[in-house]
Amino acid sequence: DPECDIVVCAQFDFSMAGDDMISISSVESNIKWTGEKQPFNSKVEGNKASVRFSSSANEPPEGSKWSLGIVCVPKTEYKSVCEVCDEIADAQVDGPNGDNILKGID
């Protein structure tokens, strides 16, 4: 939808190592987390974004779990980043089924 902005919601411990990286870029914004920096909830201006992941060959620590929720919020509907992330928190905790790595949230 051209009339929305993307909100990114981070959950759990990402357990990123020194050479791991997550980057989210739109025409108007660029957010990049590298190394052991914990991703945070944020708003990405615009309705289209690219997400890039890069990781080392090291195994993540036992029990590592993470979730990155991406929601397009209509520009006419004012919601804070916290409100948006609170709304999808339960779905993020549940995660995808089985060996799936993606889960659509309606």
C-alpha atoms as a PDB file:
ATOM      1  CA  ASP A   1       0.000   0.000   0.000  1.00  0.00           C
ATOM      2  CA  PRO A   2       1.601   3.307  -1.030  1.00  0.00           C
ATOM      3  CA  GLU A   3      -0.068   5.097   1.883  1.00  0.00           C
ATOM      4  CA  CYS A   4       1.682   3.263   4.719  1.00  0.00           C
ATOM      5  CA  ASP A   5       4.961   3.249   6.610  1.00  0.00           C
ATOM      6  CA  ILE A   6       6.833   0.135   7.716  1.00  0.00           C
ATOM      7  CA  VAL A   7       7.359  -0.597  11.413  1.00  0.00           C
ATOM      8  CA  VAL A   8       9.985  -3.160  12.431  1.00  0.00           C
ATOM      9  CA  CYS A   9       9.482  -5.037  15.726  1.00  0.00           C
ATOM     10  CA  ALA A  10      12.362  -6.999  17.269  1.00  0.00           C
ATOM     11  CA  GLN A  11      11.696  -9.748  19.834  1.00  0.00           C
ATOM     12  CA  PHE A  12      13.887 -12.030  21.942  1.00  0.00           C
ATOM     13  CA  ASP A  13      17.661 -12.247  22.093  1.00  0.00           C
ATOM     14  CA  PHE A  14      19.123 -12.062  18.609  1.00  0.00           C
ATOM     15  CA  SER A  15      22.405 -13.603  19.843  1.00  0.00           C
ATOM     16  CA  MET A  16      24.338 -11.866  17.105  1.00  0.00           C
ATOM     17  CA  ALA A  17      28.068 -12.558  16.918  1.00  0.00           C
ATOM     18  CA  GLY A  18      30.737  -9.995  16.002  1.00  0.00           C
ATOM     19  CA  ASP A  19      30.368 -10.441  12.248  1.00  0.00           C
ATOM     20  CA  ASP A  20      26.558 -10.865  12.022  1.00  0.00           C
ATOM     21  CA  MET A  21      24.486  -8.136  10.359  1.00  0.00           C
ATOM     22  CA  ILE A  22      20.839  -7.197   9.750  1.00  0.00           C
ATOM     23  CA  SER A  23      20.042  -4.297   7.429  1.00  0.00           C
ATOM     24  CA  ILE A  24      16.642  -2.821   6.537  1.00  0.00           C
ATOM     25  CA  SER A  25      16.618  -0.191   3.804  1.00  0.00           C
ATOM     26  CA  SER A  26      13.945   1.877   2.104  1.00  0.00           C
ATOM     27  CA  VAL A  27      14.226   4.810  -0.270  1.00  0.00           C
ATOM     28  CA  GLU A  28      14.005   7.171   2.713  1.00  0.00           C
ATOM     29  CA  SER A  29      15.693   5.232   5.573  1.00  0.00           C
ATOM     30  CA  ASN A  30      18.437   2.766   6.360  1.00  0.00           C
ATOM     31  CA  ILE A  31      18.766   0.834   9.608  1.00  0.00           C
ATOM     32  CA  LYS A  32      21.728  -1.464  10.173  1.00  0.00           C
ATOM     33  CA  TRP A  33      22.602  -3.585  13.188  1.00  0.00           C
ATOM     34  CA  THR A  34      26.033  -5.213  13.258  1.00  0.00           C
ATOM     35  CA  GLY A  35      28.032  -7.255  15.691  1.00  0.00           C
ATOM     36  CA  GLU A  36      26.496  -7.866  19.073  1.00  0.00           C
ATOM     37  CA  LYS A  37      24.230  -4.796  18.877  1.00  0.00           C
ATOM     38  CA  GLN A  38      20.631  -5.691  19.842  1.00  0.00           C
ATOM     39  CA  PRO A  39      18.043  -4.688  17.204  1.00  0.00           C
ATOM     40  CA  PHE A  40      15.321  -2.335  18.422  1.00  0.00           C
ATOM     41  CA  ASN A  41      11.769  -1.487  17.388  1.00  0.00           C
ATOM     42  CA  SER A  42      11.736   1.283  14.792  1.00  0.00           C
ATOM     43  CA  LYS A  43       9.814   2.966  11.986  1.00  0.00           C
ATOM     44  CA  VAL A  44      11.100   2.826   8.417  1.00  0.00           C
ATOM     45  CA  GLU A  45       9.690   5.665   6.318  1.00  0.00           C
ATOM     46  CA  GLY A  46       8.014   4.373   3.165  1.00  0.00           C
ATOM     47  CA  ASN A  47       6.081   1.298   2.125  1.00  0.00           C
ATOM     48  CA  LYS A  48       8.833  -0.782   0.488  1.00  0.00           C
ATOM     49  CA  ALA A  49      11.998  -2.053   2.121  1.00  0.00           C
ATOM     50  CA  SER A  50      14.787  -4.537   1.561  1.00  0.00           C
ATOM     51  CA  VAL A  51      15.913  -6.785   4.401  1.00  0.00           C
ATOM     52  CA  ARG A  52      19.403  -8.322   4.400  1.00  0.00           C
ATOM     53  CA  PHE A  53      20.814 -10.854   6.835  1.00  0.00           C
ATOM     54  CA  SER A  54      24.429 -11.893   7.055  1.00  0.00           C
ATOM     55  CA  SER A  55      25.976 -14.225   9.602  1.00  0.00           C
ATOM     56  CA  SER A  56      29.209 -15.985  10.393  1.00  0.00           C
ATOM     57  CA  ALA A  57      29.812 -19.710  10.231  1.00  0.00           C
ATOM     58  CA  ASN A  58      29.630 -19.888  14.031  1.00  0.00           C
ATOM     59  CA  GLU A  59      26.694 -21.715  15.584  1.00  0.00           C
ATOM     60  CA  PRO A  60      24.334 -19.516  17.586  1.00  0.00           C
ATOM     61  CA  PRO A  61      24.246 -20.155  21.331  1.00  0.00           C
ATOM     62  CA  GLU A  62      22.014 -23.031  22.459  1.00  0.00           C
ATOM     63  CA  GLY A  63      18.411 -21.897  22.892  1.00  0.00           C
ATOM     64  CA  SER A  64      18.767 -18.769  20.743  1.00  0.00           C
ATOM     65  CA  LYS A  65      15.461 -17.467  19.461  1.00  0.00           C
ATOM     66  CA  TRP A  66      14.605 -14.293  17.609  1.00  0.00           C
ATOM     67  CA  SER A  67      11.776 -12.697  15.692  1.00  0.00           C
ATOM     68  CA  LEU A  68      11.643  -9.694  13.380  1.00  0.00           C
ATOM     69  CA  GLY A  69       8.091  -8.469  12.738  1.00  0.00           C
ATOM     70  CA  ILE A  70       7.496  -6.152   9.774  1.00  0.00           C
ATOM     71  CA  VAL A  71       4.147  -4.313   9.639  1.00  0.00           C
ATOM     72  CA  CYS A  72       2.850  -1.711   7.172  1.00  0.00           C
ATOM     73  CA  VAL A  73       0.850   0.904   9.116  1.00  0.00           C
ATOM     74  CA  PRO A  74      -1.485   3.237   7.170  1.00  0.00           C
ATOM     75  CA  LYS A  75      -0.294   6.854   7.292  1.00  0.00           C
ATOM     76  CA  THR A  76      -3.837   7.939   8.218  1.00  0.00           C
ATOM     77  CA  GLU A  77      -3.782   5.716  11.325  1.00  0.00           C
ATOM     78  CA  TYR A  78      -1.538   7.225  13.981  1.00  0.00           C
ATOM     79  CA  LYS A  79       0.064   4.535  16.096  1.00  0.00           C
ATOM     80  CA  SER A  80       3.346   4.689  17.921  1.00  0.00           C
ATOM     81  CA  VAL A  81       6.008   2.076  17.222  1.00  0.00           C
ATOM     82  CA  CYS A  82       5.351   0.641  20.699  1.00  0.00           C
ATOM     83  CA  GLU A  83       1.610   0.269  20.023  1.00  0.00           C
ATOM     84  CA  VAL A  84       2.215  -1.526  16.720  1.00  0.00           C
ATOM     85  CA  CYS A  85       4.786  -3.880  18.229  1.00  0.00           C
ATOM     86  CA  ASP A  86       2.564  -4.621  21.243  1.00  0.00           C
ATOM     87  CA  GLU A  87      -0.267  -5.608  18.862  1.00  0.00           C
ATOM     88  CA  ILE A  88       1.836  -8.305  17.157  1.00  0.00           C
ATOM     89  CA  ALA A  89       3.903  -9.419  20.173  1.00  0.00           C
ATOM     90  CA  ASP A  90       1.856 -12.582  20.863  1.00  0.00           C
ATOM     91  CA  ALA A  91       2.076 -13.696  17.229  1.00  0.00           C
ATOM     92  CA  GLN A  92       5.832 -13.128  17.293  1.00  0.00           C
ATOM     93  CA  VAL A  93       6.194 -15.195  20.473  1.00  0.00           C
ATOM     94  CA  ASP A  94       4.209 -18.063  18.893  1.00  0.00           C
ATOM     95  CA  GLY A  95       6.473 -18.008  15.847  1.00  0.00           C
ATOM     96  CA  PRO A  96       6.008 -20.039  12.652  1.00  0.00           C
ATOM     97  CA  ASN A  97       5.036 -23.716  12.634  1.00  0.00           C
ATOM     98  CA  GLY A  98       7.513 -26.578  12.334  1.00  0.00           C
ATOM     99  CA  ASP A  99      10.608 -25.847  10.260  1.00  0.00           C
ATOM    100  CA  ASN A 100       9.112 -22.723   8.653  1.00  0.00           C
ATOM    101  CA  ILE A 101      11.061 -19.509   9.063  1.00  0.00           C
ATOM    102  CA  LEU A 102       8.313 -17.084   7.985  1.00  0.00           C
ATOM    103  CA  LYS A 103       4.845 -16.467   9.340  1.00  0.00           C
ATOM    104  CA  GLY A 104       2.182 -14.187   7.875  1.00  0.00           C
ATOM    105  CA  ILE A 105       0.147 -12.191  10.392  1.00  0.00           C
ATOM    106  CA  ASP A 106      -3.307 -10.953   9.390  1.00  0.00           C
END
